[in-house]
Amino acid sequence: MDGDKLSGKETIHQSFGTWAAALAADFMFAQSSWYLANLENTEVIKLIKPWVERAQDLAKEKAELAIESLKCLPINEFRASLEGLLRYNLERID
């Protein structure tokens, strides 16, 4: 990889932005984990389990940081809605 190009083509983050690249990476990780888990091979499941757990931990940390950042905003409906959404998603991780 040479920065903004991969095999001579623009990367996702260059073409669509960092947000889209992160979303694409999350999707690919989730899909690959789902396919591996559905192989019904306990050895594969044991192998990917720590990676899935680490991804959950990282998602939780990211959501908690987002909630802390929201506390800098004035209290209003928008802030309350965002906090509620983040807390709902945190509960789904546990």
Protein backbone atom coordinates (compact mmCIF):
# COMPACT_ATOMS: atom_id res chain seq x y z
CA MET A 1 0.00 0.00 0.00
CA ASP A 2 1.38 3.41 -0.92
CA GLY A 3 -0.69 5.87 1.10
CA ASP A 4 -3.80 6.86 -0.81
CA LYS A 5 -3.48 4.11 -3.41
CA LEU A 6 -3.60 0.33 -3.24
CA SER A 7 -2.49 -1.60 -6.34
CA GLY A 8 -2.58 1.70 -8.22
CA LYS A 9 -6.23 2.43 -7.34
CA GLU A 10 -7.61 4.98 -4.88
CA THR A 11 -8.39 3.54 -1.46
CA ILE A 12 -11.87 3.73 0.05
CA HIS A 13 -10.79 6.41 2.51
CA GLN A 14 -9.44 8.51 -0.36
CA SER A 15 -12.53 8.08 -2.54
CA PHE A 16 -15.26 8.24 0.11
CA GLY A 17 -13.64 9.44 3.34
CA THR A 18 -12.43 7.92 6.57
CA TRP A 19 -15.95 7.34 7.91
CA ALA A 20 -16.88 5.16 4.90
CA ALA A 21 -13.59 3.25 5.12
CA ALA A 22 -14.12 2.50 8.82
CA LEU A 23 -17.71 1.44 8.16
CA ALA A 24 -16.58 -0.85 5.32
CA ALA A 25 -13.91 -2.40 7.55
CA ASP A 26 -16.43 -2.99 10.34
CA PHE A 27 -18.83 -4.60 7.87
CA MET A 28 -16.14 -6.88 6.42
CA PHE A 29 -15.04 -7.94 9.91
CA ALA A 30 -18.63 -8.69 10.95
CA GLN A 31 -19.40 -10.61 7.76
CA SER A 32 -16.21 -12.66 7.87
CA SER A 33 -16.81 -13.50 11.54
CA TRP A 34 -20.37 -14.57 10.73
CA TYR A 35 -19.22 -16.81 7.87
CA LEU A 36 -16.47 -18.37 9.97
CA ALA A 37 -18.83 -19.00 12.88
CA ASN A 38 -21.34 -20.65 10.54
CA LEU A 39 -18.78 -23.19 9.38
CA GLU A 40 -19.78 -25.05 12.57
CA ASN A 41 -16.13 -25.84 13.18
CA THR A 42 -15.37 -25.44 16.89
CA GLU A 43 -11.66 -24.95 16.22
CA VAL A 44 -12.39 -21.96 13.97
CA ILE A 45 -14.84 -20.55 16.51
CA LYS A 46 -12.24 -20.88 19.29
CA LEU A 47 -9.72 -19.15 17.05
CA ILE A 48 -11.87 -16.11 16.24
CA LYS A 49 -13.50 -15.74 19.68
CA PRO A 50 -10.75 -13.53 21.18
CA TRP A 51 -10.81 -11.27 18.11
CA VAL A 52 -14.57 -10.83 18.28
CA GLU A 53 -14.38 -10.10 22.01
CA ARG A 54 -11.64 -7.52 21.41
CA ALA A 55 -13.74 -5.87 18.70
CA GLN A 56 -16.64 -5.66 21.16
CA ASP A 57 -14.36 -4.10 23.77
CA LEU A 58 -13.10 -1.52 21.27
CA ALA A 59 -16.66 -0.67 20.20
CA LYS A 60 -17.64 -0.21 23.83
CA GLU A 61 -14.64 2.05 24.52
CA LYS A 62 -15.45 4.11 21.43
CA ALA A 63 -19.07 4.55 22.51
CA GLU A 64 -18.02 5.55 26.03
CA LEU A 65 -15.62 8.15 24.59
CA ALA A 66 -18.42 9.47 22.39
CA ILE A 67 -20.67 9.87 25.44
CA GLU A 68 -17.90 11.77 27.25
CA SER A 69 -17.49 14.03 24.22
CA LEU A 70 -21.23 14.69 24.12
CA LYS A 71 -21.08 15.99 27.69
CA CYS A 72 -19.23 19.02 26.30
CA LEU A 73 -22.36 20.01 24.35
CA PRO A 74 -25.13 22.05 25.93
CA ILE A 75 -27.99 19.94 27.27
CA ASN A 76 -30.75 19.77 24.68
CA GLU A 77 -32.92 17.22 22.86
CA PHE A 78 -30.24 16.46 20.27
CA ARG A 79 -27.62 15.65 22.90
CA ALA A 80 -30.11 13.56 24.88
CA SER A 81 -31.07 11.62 21.75
CA LEU A 82 -27.44 10.89 20.86
CA GLU A 83 -26.65 9.77 24.40
CA GLY A 84 -29.72 7.52 24.38
CA LEU A 85 -28.69 5.98 21.08
CA LEU A 86 -25.16 5.32 22.30
CA ARG A 87 -26.37 3.81 25.58
CA TYR A 88 -28.83 1.57 23.70
CA ASN A 89 -26.02 0.28 21.48
CA LEU A 90 -23.75 -0.25 24.49
CA GLU A 91 -26.43 -2.41 26.11
CA ARG A 92 -26.64 -4.51 22.94
CA ILE A 93 -22.88 -5.21 23.11
CA ASP A 94 -23.15 -6.64 26.63
